[in-house]
PDB file of all heavy atoms in Angstrom:
ATOM      1  N   GLU A   1      26.442  38.496 -21.225  1.00  0.00           N
ATOM      2  CA  GLU A   1      26.653  37.108 -21.639  1.00  0.00           C
ATOM      3  C   GLU A   1      28.025  36.602 -21.202  1.00  0.00           C
ATOM      4  O   GLU A   1      28.171  35.447 -20.782  1.00  0.00           O
ATOM      5  CB  GLU A   1      26.500  36.981 -23.158  1.00  0.00           C
ATOM      6  CG  GLU A   1      25.096  37.226 -23.672  1.00  0.00           C
ATOM      7  CD  GLU A   1      24.088  36.208 -23.165  1.00  0.00           C
ATOM      8  OE1 GLU A   1      24.503  35.130 -22.685  1.00  0.00           O
ATOM      9  OE2 GLU A   1      22.876  36.477 -23.228  1.00  0.00           O
ATOM     10  N   ARG A   2      29.033  37.444 -21.297  1.00  0.00           N
ATOM     11  CA  ARG A   2      30.356  37.036 -20.826  1.00  0.00           C
ATOM     12  C   ARG A   2      30.340  36.809 -19.311  1.00  0.00           C
ATOM     13  O   ARG A   2      31.033  35.924 -18.805  1.00  0.00           O
ATOM     14  CB  ARG A   2      31.399  38.093 -21.210  1.00  0.00           C
ATOM     15  CG  ARG A   2      31.742  38.069 -22.703  1.00  0.00           C
ATOM     16  CD  ARG A   2      32.661  39.204 -23.093  1.00  0.00           C
ATOM     17  NE  ARG A   2      33.139  39.063 -24.459  1.00  0.00           N
ATOM     18  CZ  ARG A   2      33.718  40.034 -25.152  1.00  0.00           C
ATOM     19  NH1 ARG A   2      33.914  41.226 -24.604  1.00  0.00           N
ATOM     20  NH2 ARG A   2      34.133  39.818 -26.396  1.00  0.00           N
ATOM     21  N   GLY A   3      29.569  37.621 -18.612  1.00  0.00           N
ATOM     22  CA  GLY A   3      29.429  37.409 -17.180  1.00  0.00           C
ATOM     23  C   GLY A   3      28.771  36.072 -16.870  1.00  0.00           C
ATOM     24  O   GLY A   3      29.179  35.370 -15.931  1.00  0.00           O
ATOM     25  N   ARG A   4      27.761  35.700 -17.657  1.00  0.00           N
ATOM     26  CA  ARG A   4      27.111  34.396 -17.468  1.00  0.00           C
ATOM     27  C   ARG A   4      28.102  33.265 -17.721  1.00  0.00           C
ATOM     28  O   ARG A   4      28.099  32.256 -17.004  1.00  0.00           O
ATOM     29  CB  ARG A   4      25.920  34.269 -18.412  1.00  0.00           C
ATOM     30  CG  ARG A   4      24.730  35.156 -18.046  1.00  0.00           C
ATOM     31  CD  ARG A   4      23.507  34.817 -18.889  1.00  0.00           C
ATOM     32  NE  ARG A   4      22.389  35.683 -18.545  1.00  0.00           N
ATOM     33  CZ  ARG A   4      22.117  36.829 -19.154  1.00  0.00           C
ATOM     34  NH1 ARG A   4      22.899  37.235 -20.148  1.00  0.00           N
ATOM     35  NH2 ARG A   4      21.097  37.571 -18.789  1.00  0.00           N
ATOM     36  N   ALA A   5      28.934  33.431 -18.751  1.00  0.00           N
ATOM     37  CA  ALA A   5      29.932  32.399 -19.050  1.00  0.00           C
ATOM     38  C   ALA A   5      30.915  32.250 -17.894  1.00  0.00           C
ATOM     39  O   ALA A   5      31.304  31.129 -17.532  1.00  0.00           O
ATOM     40  CB  ALA A   5      30.666  32.750 -20.343  1.00  0.00           C
ATOM     41  N   ASP A   6      31.311  33.382 -17.308  1.00  0.00           N
ATOM     42  CA  ASP A   6      32.231  33.325 -16.164  1.00  0.00           C
ATOM     43  C   ASP A   6      31.568  32.653 -14.958  1.00  0.00           C
ATOM     44  O   ASP A   6      32.200  31.864 -14.240  1.00  0.00           O
ATOM     45  CB  ASP A   6      32.691  34.736 -15.795  1.00  0.00           C
ATOM     46  CG  ASP A   6      33.593  35.343 -16.856  1.00  0.00           C
ATOM     47  OD1 ASP A   6      34.158  34.576 -17.666  1.00  0.00           O
ATOM     48  OD2 ASP A   6      33.742  36.583 -16.872  1.00  0.00           O
ATOM     49  N   GLU A   7      30.304  32.999 -14.696  1.00  0.00           N
ATOM     50  CA  GLU A   7      29.584  32.384 -13.576  1.00  0.00           C
ATOM     51  C   GLU A   7      29.447  30.876 -13.775  1.00  0.00           C
ATOM     52  O   GLU A   7      29.579  30.092 -12.829  1.00  0.00           O
ATOM     53  CB  GLU A   7      28.201  33.025 -13.447  1.00  0.00           C
ATOM     54  CG  GLU A   7      28.233  34.477 -12.967  1.00  0.00           C
ATOM     55  CD  GLU A   7      26.854  35.101 -12.986  1.00  0.00           C
ATOM     56  OE1 GLU A   7      25.881  34.387 -13.334  1.00  0.00           O
ATOM     57  OE2 GLU A   7      26.732  36.301 -12.667  1.00  0.00           O
ATOM     58  N   LEU A   8      29.191  30.474 -15.018  1.00  0.00           N
ATOM     59  CA  LEU A   8      29.058  29.052 -15.316  1.00  0.00           C
ATOM     60  C   LEU A   8      30.376  28.321 -15.079  1.00  0.00           C
ATOM     61  O   LEU A   8      30.407  27.238 -14.485  1.00  0.00           O
ATOM     62  CB  LEU A   8      28.616  28.875 -16.771  1.00  0.00           C
ATOM     63  CG  LEU A   8      28.291  27.445 -17.212  1.00  0.00           C
ATOM     64  CD1 LEU A   8      27.095  26.909 -16.446  1.00  0.00           C
ATOM     65  CD2 LEU A   8      28.032  27.405 -18.713  1.00  0.00           C
ATOM     66  N   ALA A   9      31.483  28.926 -15.522  1.00  0.00           N
ATOM     67  CA  ALA A   9      32.789  28.305 -15.305  1.00  0.00           C
ATOM     68  C   ALA A   9      33.100  28.200 -13.818  1.00  0.00           C
ATOM     69  O   ALA A   9      33.670  27.202 -13.361  1.00  0.00           O
ATOM     70  CB  ALA A   9      33.865  29.114 -16.027  1.00  0.00           C
ATOM     71  N   ALA A  10      32.730  29.247 -13.056  1.00  0.00           N
ATOM     72  CA  ALA A  10      32.968  29.222 -11.617  1.00  0.00           C
ATOM     73  C   ALA A  10      32.155  28.115 -10.944  1.00  0.00           C
ATOM     74  O   ALA A  10      32.627  27.443 -10.017  1.00  0.00           O
ATOM     75  CB  ALA A  10      32.626  30.581 -11.003  1.00  0.00           C
ATOM     76  N   ALA A  11      30.924  27.904 -11.423  1.00  0.00           N
ATOM     77  CA  ALA A  11      30.085  26.839 -10.857  1.00  0.00           C
ATOM     78  C   ALA A  11      30.704  25.471 -11.096  1.00  0.00           C
ATOM     79  O   ALA A  11      30.675  24.592 -10.230  1.00  0.00           O
ATOM     80  CB  ALA A  11      28.689  26.912 -11.469  1.00  0.00           C
ATOM     81  N   TYR A  12      31.296  25.286 -12.286  1.00  0.00           N
ATOM     82  CA  TYR A  12      31.950  24.009 -12.558  1.00  0.00           C
ATOM     83  C   TYR A  12      33.220  23.860 -11.712  1.00  0.00           C
ATOM     84  O   TYR A  12      33.518  22.775 -11.203  1.00  0.00           O
ATOM     85  CB  TYR A  12      32.295  23.893 -14.039  1.00  0.00           C
ATOM     86  CG  TYR A  12      33.130  22.669 -14.359  1.00  0.00           C
ATOM     87  CD1 TYR A  12      32.582  21.392 -14.275  1.00  0.00           C
ATOM     88  CD2 TYR A  12      34.470  22.799 -14.714  1.00  0.00           C
ATOM     89  CE1 TYR A  12      33.349  20.267 -14.541  1.00  0.00           C
ATOM     90  CE2 TYR A  12      35.244  21.689 -14.985  1.00  0.00           C
ATOM     91  CZ  TYR A  12      34.678  20.419 -14.899  1.00  0.00           C
ATOM     92  OH  TYR A  12      35.439  19.312 -15.159  1.00  0.00           O
ATOM     93  N   ALA A  13      33.954  24.975 -11.557  1.00  0.00           N
ATOM     94  CA  ALA A  13      35.198  24.920 -10.793  1.00  0.00           C
ATOM     95  C   ALA A  13      34.950  24.543  -9.335  1.00  0.00           C
ATOM     96  O   ALA A  13      35.776  23.867  -8.710  1.00  0.00           O
ATOM     97  CB  ALA A  13      35.926  26.261 -10.872  1.00  0.00           C
ATOM     98  N   THR A  14      33.815  24.968  -8.791  1.00  0.00           N
ATOM     99  CA  THR A  14      33.497  24.650  -7.394  1.00  0.00           C
ATOM    100  C   THR A  14      32.689  23.353  -7.266  1.00  0.00           C
ATOM    101  O   THR A  14      32.184  23.043  -6.189  1.00  0.00           O
ATOM    102  CB  THR A  14      32.698  25.806  -6.763  1.00  0.00           C
ATOM    103  OG1 THR A  14      31.507  26.022  -7.531  1.00  0.00           O
ATOM    104  CG2 THR A  14      33.521  27.080  -6.727  1.00  0.00           C
ATOM    105  N   LYS A  15      32.535  22.636  -8.388  1.00  0.00           N
ATOM    106  CA  LYS A  15      31.835  21.346  -8.433  1.00  0.00           C
ATOM    107  C   LYS A  15      30.345  21.481  -8.129  1.00  0.00           C
ATOM    108  O   LYS A  15      29.693  20.531  -7.687  1.00  0.00           O
ATOM    109  CB  LYS A  15      32.472  20.344  -7.480  1.00  0.00           C
ATOM    110  CG  LYS A  15      33.929  20.034  -7.812  1.00  0.00           C
ATOM    111  CD  LYS A  15      34.503  18.975  -6.882  1.00  0.00           C
ATOM    112  CE  LYS A  15      35.951  18.655  -7.258  1.00  0.00           C
ATOM    113  NZ  LYS A  15      36.539  17.613  -6.390  1.00  0.00           N
ATOM    114  N   ALA A  16      29.790  22.675  -8.371  1.00  0.00           N
ATOM    115  CA  ALA A  16      28.352  22.862  -8.193  1.00  0.00           C
ATOM    116  C   ALA A  16      27.574  22.210  -9.334  1.00  0.00           C
ATOM    117  O   ALA A  16      26.394  21.875  -9.179  1.00  0.00           O
ATOM    118  CB  ALA A  16      28.010  24.347  -8.109  1.00  0.00           C
ATOM    119  N   ILE A  17      28.230  22.070 -10.499  1.00  0.00           N
ATOM    120  CA  ILE A  17      27.615  21.390 -11.641  1.00  0.00           C
ATOM    121  C   ILE A  17      28.629  20.415 -12.213  1.00  0.00           C
ATOM    122  O   ILE A  17      29.830  20.523 -11.975  1.00  0.00           O
ATOM    123  CB  ILE A  17      27.172  22.393 -12.735  1.00  0.00           C
ATOM    124  CG1 ILE A  17      28.377  23.204 -13.232  1.00  0.00           C
ATOM    125  CG2 ILE A  17      26.081  23.311 -12.221  1.00  0.00           C
ATOM    126  CD1 ILE A  17      28.037  24.129 -14.388  1.00  0.00           C
ATOM    127  N   THR A  18      28.154  19.475 -13.015  1.00  0.00           N
ATOM    128  CA  THR A  18      29.019  18.476 -13.627  1.00  0.00           C
ATOM    129  C   THR A  18      29.560  18.997 -14.961  1.00  0.00           C
ATOM    130  O   THR A  18      29.084  20.016 -15.489  1.00  0.00           O
ATOM    131  CB  THR A  18      28.259  17.171 -13.873  1.00  0.00           C
ATOM    132  OG1 THR A  18      27.215  17.420 -14.851  1.00  0.00           O
ATOM    133  CG2 THR A  18      27.631  16.665 -12.583  1.00  0.00           C
ATOM    134  N   MET A  19      30.526  18.263 -15.520  1.00  0.00           N
ATOM    135  CA  MET A  19      31.064  18.625 -16.825  1.00  0.00           C
ATOM    136  C   MET A  19      29.976  18.615 -17.883  1.00  0.00           C
ATOM    137  O   MET A  19      29.897  19.517 -18.738  1.00  0.00           O
ATOM    138  CB  MET A  19      32.183  17.646 -17.202  1.00  0.00           C
ATOM    139  CG  MET A  19      32.682  17.786 -18.639  1.00  0.00           C
ATOM    140  SD  MET A  19      33.566  19.337 -18.942  1.00  0.00           S
ATOM    141  CE  MET A  19      35.156  18.933 -18.203  1.00  0.00           C
ATOM    142  N   ALA A  20      29.108  17.599 -17.860  1.00  0.00           N
ATOM    143  CA  ALA A  20      28.024  17.500 -18.849  1.00  0.00           C
ATOM    144  C   ALA A  20      27.085  18.705 -18.743  1.00  0.00           C
ATOM    145  O   ALA A  20      26.654  19.279 -19.759  1.00  0.00           O
ATOM    146  CB  ALA A  20      27.250  16.202 -18.660  1.00  0.00           C
ATOM    147  N   GLU A  21      26.768  19.103 -17.517  1.00  0.00           N
ATOM    148  CA  GLU A  21      25.890  20.261 -17.322  1.00  0.00           C
ATOM    149  C   GLU A  21      26.570  21.538 -17.802  1.00  0.00           C
ATOM    150  O   GLU A  21      25.938  22.412 -18.404  1.00  0.00           O
ATOM    151  CB  GLU A  21      25.520  20.386 -15.841  1.00  0.00           C
ATOM    152  CG  GLU A  21      24.594  19.282 -15.349  1.00  0.00           C
ATOM    153  CD  GLU A  21      24.403  19.313 -13.842  1.00  0.00           C
ATOM    154  OE1 GLU A  21      25.359  19.716 -13.132  1.00  0.00           O
ATOM    155  OE2 GLU A  21      23.319  18.941 -13.385  1.00  0.00           O
ATOM    156  N   TRP A  22      27.862  21.640 -17.551  1.00  0.00           N
ATOM    157  CA  TRP A  22      28.609  22.830 -17.990  1.00  0.00           C
ATOM    158  C   TRP A  22      28.611  22.930 -19.507  1.00  0.00           C
ATOM    159  O   TRP A  22      28.360  23.988 -20.078  1.00  0.00           O
ATOM    160  CB  TRP A  22      30.035  22.766 -17.453  1.00  0.00           C
ATOM    161  CG  TRP A  22      30.897  23.888 -17.958  1.00  0.00           C
ATOM    162  CD1 TRP A  22      30.771  25.214 -17.689  1.00  0.00           C
ATOM    163  CD2 TRP A  22      32.021  23.773 -18.831  1.00  0.00           C
ATOM    164  NE1 TRP A  22      31.740  25.945 -18.338  1.00  0.00           N
ATOM    165  CE2 TRP A  22      32.518  25.074 -19.044  1.00  0.00           C
ATOM    166  CE3 TRP A  22      32.652  22.689 -19.447  1.00  0.00           C
ATOM    167  CZ2 TRP A  22      33.626  25.310 -19.859  1.00  0.00           C
ATOM    168  CZ3 TRP A  22      33.753  22.935 -20.258  1.00  0.00           C
ATOM    169  CH2 TRP A  22      34.227  24.233 -20.460  1.00  0.00           C
ATOM    170  N   LEU A  23      28.893  21.807 -20.187  1.00  0.00           N
ATOM    171  CA  LEU A  23      28.931  21.816 -21.647  1.00  0.00           C
ATOM    172  C   LEU A  23      27.563  22.139 -22.232  1.00  0.00           C
ATOM    173  O   LEU A  23      27.450  22.890 -23.210  1.00  0.00           O
ATOM    174  CB  LEU A  23      29.417  20.460 -22.163  1.00  0.00           C
ATOM    175  CG  LEU A  23      30.893  20.128 -21.895  1.00  0.00           C
ATOM    176  CD1 LEU A  23      31.204  18.694 -22.306  1.00  0.00           C
ATOM    177  CD2 LEU A  23      31.804  21.102 -22.637  1.00  0.00           C
ATOM    178  N   THR A  24      26.521  21.592 -21.637  1.00  0.00           N
ATOM    179  CA  THR A  24      25.161  21.845 -22.132  1.00  0.00           C
ATOM    180  C   THR A  24      24.797  23.316 -22.022  1.00  0.00           C
ATOM    181  O   THR A  24      24.197  23.897 -22.933  1.00  0.00           O
ATOM    182  CB  THR A  24      24.142  20.991 -21.358  1.00  0.00           C
ATOM    183  OG1 THR A  24      24.474  19.605 -21.527  1.00  0.00           O
ATOM    184  CG2 THR A  24      22.733  21.243 -21.859  1.00  0.00           C
ATOM    185  N   ALA A  25      25.149  23.932 -20.914  1.00  0.00           N
ATOM    186  CA  ALA A  25      24.812  25.347 -20.704  1.00  0.00           C
ATOM    187  C   ALA A  25      25.752  26.282 -21.448  1.00  0.00           C
ATOM    188  O   ALA A  25      25.368  27.390 -21.825  1.00  0.00           O
ATOM    189  CB  ALA A  25      24.829  25.656 -19.213  1.00  0.00           C
ATOM    190  N   ARG A  26      26.991  25.842 -21.656  1.00  0.00           N
ATOM    191  CA  ARG A  26      27.989  26.728 -22.265  1.00  0.00           C
ATOM    192  C   ARG A  26      27.679  27.024 -23.720  1.00  0.00           C
ATOM    193  O   ARG A  26      27.830  28.168 -24.184  1.00  0.00           O
ATOM    194  CB  ARG A  26      29.368  26.094 -22.163  1.00  0.00           C
ATOM    195  CG  ARG A  26      30.498  26.959 -22.729  1.00  0.00           C
ATOM    196  CD  ARG A  26      31.735  26.146 -23.036  1.00  0.00           C
ATOM    197  NE  ARG A  26      31.468  25.132 -24.052  1.00  0.00           N
ATOM    198  CZ  ARG A  26      32.401  24.335 -24.550  1.00  0.00           C
ATOM    199  NH1 ARG A  26      33.645  24.411 -24.103  1.00  0.00           N
ATOM    200  NH2 ARG A  26      32.094  23.424 -25.477  1.00  0.00           N
ATOM    201  N   ASP A  27      27.273  26.017 -24.498  1.00  0.00           N
ATOM    202  CA  ASP A  27      27.141  26.179 -25.946  1.00  0.00           C
ATOM    203  C   ASP A  27      26.175  27.288 -26.352  1.00  0.00           C
ATOM    204  O   ASP A  27      26.515  28.131 -27.194  1.00  0.00           O
ATOM    205  CB  ASP A  27      26.740  24.847 -26.583  1.00  0.00           C
ATOM    206  CG  ASP A  27      27.876  23.826 -26.539  1.00  0.00           C
ATOM    207  OD1 ASP A  27      29.026  24.248 -26.287  1.00  0.00           O
ATOM    208  OD2 ASP A  27      27.615  22.632 -26.749  1.00  0.00           O
ATOM    209  N   PRO A  28      24.963  27.362 -25.788  1.00  0.00           N
ATOM    210  CA  PRO A  28      24.078  28.468 -26.190  1.00  0.00           C
ATOM    211  C   PRO A  28      24.610  29.837 -25.759  1.00  0.00           C
ATOM    212  O   PRO A  28      24.414  30.828 -26.478  1.00  0.00           O
ATOM    213  CB  PRO A  28      22.750  28.142 -25.493  1.00  0.00           C
ATOM    214  CG  PRO A  28      23.088  27.186 -24.398  1.00  0.00           C
ATOM    215  CD  PRO A  28      24.252  26.414 -24.891  1.00  0.00           C
ATOM    216  N   ILE A  29      25.278  29.901 -24.620  1.00  0.00           N
ATOM    217  CA  ILE A  29      25.858  31.181 -24.196  1.00  0.00           C
ATOM    218  C   ILE A  29      26.947  31.604 -25.171  1.00  0.00           C
ATOM    219  O   ILE A  29      27.010  32.768 -25.597  1.00  0.00           O
ATOM    220  CB  ILE A  29      26.420  31.071 -22.765  1.00  0.00           C
ATOM    221  CG1 ILE A  29      25.296  30.831 -21.760  1.00  0.00           C
ATOM    222  CG2 ILE A  29      27.196  32.339 -22.401  1.00  0.00           C
ATOM    223  CD1 ILE A  29      25.783  30.615 -20.339  1.00  0.00           C
ATOM    224  N   GLN A  30      27.814  30.656 -25.548  1.00  0.00           N
ATOM    225  CA  GLN A  30      28.884  30.988 -26.476  1.00  0.00           C
ATOM    226  C   GLN A  30      28.335  31.389 -27.844  1.00  0.00           C
ATOM    227  O   GLN A  30      28.876  32.289 -28.503  1.00  0.00           O
ATOM    228  CB  GLN A  30      29.835  29.792 -26.633  1.00  0.00           C
ATOM    229  CG  GLN A  30      31.084  30.093 -27.450  1.00  0.00           C
ATOM    230  CD  GLN A  30      31.878  31.241 -26.865  1.00  0.00           C
ATOM    231  OE1 GLN A  30      32.210  31.247 -25.691  1.00  0.00           O
ATOM    232  NE2 GLN A  30      32.183  32.235 -27.697  1.00  0.00           N
ATOM    233  N   ALA A  31      27.236  30.757 -28.258  1.00  0.00           N
ATOM    234  CA  ALA A  31      26.623  31.122 -29.534  1.00  0.00           C
ATOM    235  C   ALA A  31      26.110  32.560 -29.488  1.00  0.00           C
ATOM    236  O   ALA A  31      26.256  33.315 -30.459  1.00  0.00           O
ATOM    237  CB  ALA A  31      25.480  30.155 -29.862  1.00  0.00           C
ATOM    238  N   ARG A  32      25.497  32.947 -28.361  1.00  0.00           N
ATOM    239  CA  ARG A  32      25.017  34.322 -28.230  1.00  0.00           C
ATOM    240  C   ARG A  32      26.178  35.309 -28.201  1.00  0.00           C
ATOM    241  O   ARG A  32      26.093  36.401 -28.781  1.00  0.00           O
ATOM    242  CB  ARG A  32      24.152  34.465 -26.968  1.00  0.00           C
ATOM    243  CG  ARG A  32      22.816  33.725 -27.051  1.00  0.00           C
ATOM    244  CD  ARG A  32      21.858  34.169 -25.957  1.00  0.00           C
ATOM    245  NE  ARG A  32      22.323  33.850 -24.618  1.00  0.00           N
ATOM    246  CZ  ARG A  32      22.064  32.720 -23.988  1.00  0.00           C
ATOM    247  NH1 ARG A  32      21.339  31.772 -24.586  1.00  0.00           N
ATOM    248  NH2 ARG A  32      22.500  32.510 -22.752  1.00  0.00           N
ATOM    249  N   ILE A  33      27.271  34.939 -27.532  1.00  0.00           N
ATOM    250  CA  ILE A  33      28.447  35.809 -27.489  1.00  0.00           C
ATOM    251  C   ILE A  33      28.997  36.022 -28.888  1.00  0.00           C
ATOM    252  O   ILE A  33      29.306  37.149 -29.295  1.00  0.00           O
ATOM    253  CB  ILE A  33      29.520  35.207 -26.558  1.00  0.00           C
ATOM    254  CG1 ILE A  33      29.086  35.305 -25.099  1.00  0.00           C
ATOM    255  CG2 ILE A  33      30.879  35.912 -26.758  1.00  0.00           C
ATOM    256  CD1 ILE A  33      30.030  34.620 -24.128  1.00  0.00           C
ATOM    257  N   THR A  34      29.112  34.951 -29.660  1.00  0.00           N
ATOM    258  CA  THR A  34      29.627  35.056 -31.031  1.00  0.00           C
ATOM    259  C   THR A  34      28.743  35.947 -31.883  1.00  0.00           C
ATOM    260  O   THR A  34      29.230  36.791 -32.648  1.00  0.00           O
ATOM    261  CB  THR A  34      29.734  33.659 -31.655  1.00  0.00           C
ATOM    262  OG1 THR A  34      30.614  32.847 -30.858  1.00  0.00           O
ATOM    263  CG2 THR A  34      30.287  33.740 -33.075  1.00  0.00           C
ATOM    264  N   ASP A  35      27.428  35.781 -31.760  1.00  0.00           N
ATOM    265  CA  ASP A  35      26.505  36.595 -32.545  1.00  0.00           C
ATOM    266  C   ASP A  35      26.581  38.061 -32.155  1.00  0.00           C
ATOM    267  O   ASP A  35      26.594  38.952 -33.020  1.00  0.00           O
ATOM    268  CB  ASP A  35      25.083  36.076 -32.342  1.00  0.00           C
ATOM    269  CG  ASP A  35      24.059  36.883 -33.137  1.00  0.00           C
ATOM    270  OD1 ASP A  35      24.118  36.835 -34.390  1.00  0.00           O
ATOM    271  OD2 ASP A  35      23.224  37.569 -32.520  1.00  0.00           O
ATOM    272  N   LEU A  36      26.657  38.340 -30.858  1.00  0.00           N
ATOM    273  CA  LEU A  36      26.749  39.728 -30.401  1.00  0.00           C
ATOM    274  C   LEU A  36      28.054  40.365 -30.845  1.00  0.00           C
ATOM    275  O   LEU A  36      28.088  41.544 -31.227  1.00  0.00           O
ATOM    276  CB  LEU A  36      26.619  39.790 -28.875  1.00  0.00           C
ATOM    277  CG  LEU A  36      25.206  39.546 -28.320  1.00  0.00           C
ATOM    278  CD1 LEU A  36      25.261  39.297 -26.821  1.00  0.00           C
ATOM    279  CD2 LEU A  36      24.302  40.732 -28.629  1.00  0.00           C
ATOM    280  N   GLU A  37      29.148  39.622 -30.810  1.00  0.00           N
ATOM    281  CA  GLU A  37      30.430  40.144 -31.272  1.00  0.00           C
ATOM    282  C   GLU A  37      30.374  40.486 -32.755  1.00  0.00           C
ATOM    283  O   GLU A  37      30.903  41.516 -33.187  1.00  0.00           O
ATOM    284  CB  GLU A  37      31.537  39.133 -31.001  1.00  0.00           C
ATOM    285  CG  GLU A  37      31.907  38.997 -29.540  1.00  0.00           C
ATOM    286  CD  GLU A  37      32.931  37.925 -29.290  1.00  0.00           C
ATOM    287  OE1 GLU A  37      33.075  37.023 -30.155  1.00  0.00           O
ATOM    288  OE2 GLU A  37      33.588  37.955 -28.240  1.00  0.00           O
ATOM    289  N   ARG A  38      29.723  39.620 -33.537  1.00  0.00           N
ATOM    290  CA  ARG A  38      29.587  39.884 -34.971  1.00  0.00           C
ATOM    291  C   ARG A  38      28.752  41.141 -35.220  1.00  0.00           C
ATOM    292  O   ARG A  38      29.125  41.990 -36.037  1.00  0.00           O
ATOM    293  CB  ARG A  38      28.940  38.680 -35.658  1.00  0.00           C
ATOM    294  CG  ARG A  38      28.707  38.861 -37.151  1.00  0.00           C
ATOM    295  CD  ARG A  38      27.916  37.688 -37.721  1.00  0.00           C
ATOM    296  NE  ARG A  38      26.620  37.549 -37.065  1.00  0.00           N
ATOM    297  CZ  ARG A  38      25.568  38.311 -37.358  1.00  0.00           C
ATOM    298  NH1 ARG A  38      25.652  39.259 -38.277  1.00  0.00           N
ATOM    299  NH2 ARG A  38      24.420  38.123 -36.727  1.00  0.00           N
ATOM    300  N   ARG A  39      27.625  41.278 -34.497  1.00  0.00           N
ATOM    301  CA  ARG A  39      26.761  42.441 -34.681  1.00  0.00           C
ATOM    302  C   ARG A  39      27.454  43.721 -34.234  1.00  0.00           C
ATOM    303  O   ARG A  39      27.335  44.771 -34.891  1.00  0.00           O
ATOM    304  CB  ARG A  39      25.456  42.237 -33.917  1.00  0.00           C
ATOM    305  CG  ARG A  39      24.577  41.130 -34.498  1.00  0.00           C
ATOM    306  CD  ARG A  39      23.470  40.737 -33.537  1.00  0.00           C
ATOM    307  NE  ARG A  39      22.585  41.858 -33.240  1.00  0.00           N
ATOM    308  CZ  ARG A  39      21.679  41.842 -32.277  1.00  0.00           C
ATOM    309  NH1 ARG A  39      21.542  40.753 -31.515  1.00  0.00           N
ATOM    310  NH2 ARG A  39      20.911  42.882 -32.065  1.00  0.00           N
ATOM    311  N   LEU A  40      28.192  43.649 -33.124  1.00  0.00           N
ATOM    312  CA  LEU A  40      28.894  44.828 -32.651  1.00  0.00           C
ATOM    313  C   LEU A  40      30.006  45.211 -33.614  1.00  0.00           C
ATOM    314  O   LEU A  40      30.277  46.398 -33.827  1.00  0.00           O
ATOM    315  CB  LEU A  40      29.468  44.575 -31.251  1.00  0.00           C
ATOM    316  CG  LEU A  40      30.075  45.780 -30.534  1.00  0.00           C
ATOM    317  CD1 LEU A  40      29.055  46.899 -30.406  1.00  0.00           C
ATOM    318  CD2 LEU A  40      30.587  45.383 -29.159  1.00  0.00           C
ATOM    319  N   ALA A  41      30.662  44.221 -34.205  1.00  0.00           N
ATOM    320  CA  ALA A  41      31.702  44.507 -35.194  1.00  0.00           C
ATOM    321  C   ALA A  41      31.107  45.227 -36.404  1.00  0.00           C
ATOM    322  O   ALA A  41      31.709  46.139 -36.968  1.00  0.00           O
ATOM    323  CB  ALA A  41      32.384  43.216 -35.624  1.00  0.00           C
ATOM    324  N   ARG A  42      29.898  44.812 -36.812  1.00  0.00           N
ATOM    325  CA  ARG A  42      29.246  45.480 -37.947  1.00  0.00           C
ATOM    326  C   ARG A  42      28.963  46.935 -37.619  1.00  0.00           C
ATOM    327  O   ARG A  42      29.190  47.832 -38.432  1.00  0.00           O
ATOM    328  CB  ARG A  42      27.939  44.755 -38.290  1.00  0.00           C
ATOM    329  CG  ARG A  42      27.137  45.433 -39.397  1.00  0.00           C
ATOM    330  CD  ARG A  42      25.848  44.683 -39.681  1.00  0.00           C
ATOM    331  NE  ARG A  42      24.987  44.602 -38.514  1.00  0.00           N
ATOM    332  CZ  ARG A  42      24.190  45.582 -38.109  1.00  0.00           C
ATOM    333  NH1 ARG A  42      24.170  46.736 -38.769  1.00  0.00           N
ATOM    334  NH2 ARG A  42      23.438  45.442 -37.045  1.00  0.00           N
ATOM    335  N   VAL A  43      28.466  47.185 -36.421  1.00  0.00           N
ATOM    336  CA  VAL A  43      28.200  48.562 -36.005  1.00  0.00           C
ATOM    337  C   VAL A  43      29.488  49.367 -35.974  1.00  0.00           C
ATOM    338  O   VAL A  43      29.551  50.510 -36.422  1.00  0.00           O
ATOM    339  CB  VAL A  43      27.514  48.578 -34.621  1.00  0.00           C
ATOM    340  CG1 VAL A  43      27.387  49.998 -34.107  1.00  0.00           C
ATOM    341  CG2 VAL A  43      26.139  47.933 -34.711  1.00  0.00           C
ATOM    342  N   THR A  44      30.543  48.766 -35.436  1.00  0.00           N
ATOM    343  CA  THR A  44      31.824  49.455 -35.345  1.00  0.00           C
ATOM    344  C   THR A  44      32.360  49.827 -36.716  1.00  0.00           C
ATOM    345  O   THR A  44      32.891  50.911 -36.924  1.00  0.00           O
ATOM    346  CB  THR A  44      32.848  48.562 -34.615  1.00  0.00           C
ATOM    347  OG1 THR A  44      32.362  48.282 -33.312  1.00  0.00           O
ATOM    348  CG2 THR A  44      34.182  49.263 -34.491  1.00  0.00           C
ATOM    349  N   ASN A  45      32.210  48.923 -37.676  1.00  0.00           N
ATOM    350  CA  ASN A  45      32.764  49.181 -38.999  1.00  0.00           C
ATOM    351  C   ASN A  45      32.133  50.384 -39.669  1.00  0.00           C
ATOM    352  O   ASN A  45      32.781  51.078 -40.444  1.00  0.00           O
ATOM    353  CB  ASN A  45      32.583  47.945 -39.888  1.00  0.00           C
ATOM    354  CG  ASN A  45      33.515  46.818 -39.479  1.00  0.00           C
ATOM    355  OD1 ASN A  45      34.503  47.052 -38.812  1.00  0.00           O
ATOM    356  ND2 ASN A  45      33.177  45.599 -39.887  1.00  0.00           N
TER     357      ASN A  45
END
């Protein structure tokens, strides 16, 4: 998921997508990252 977030940022940086498209795609990826971090933290604890 972090790799997808990086690829998305790179696409915006090279103007392959617009700001609106970047924001639309970013939010669900970030939500999955947050959830995975929380679940991994629980396992770690």
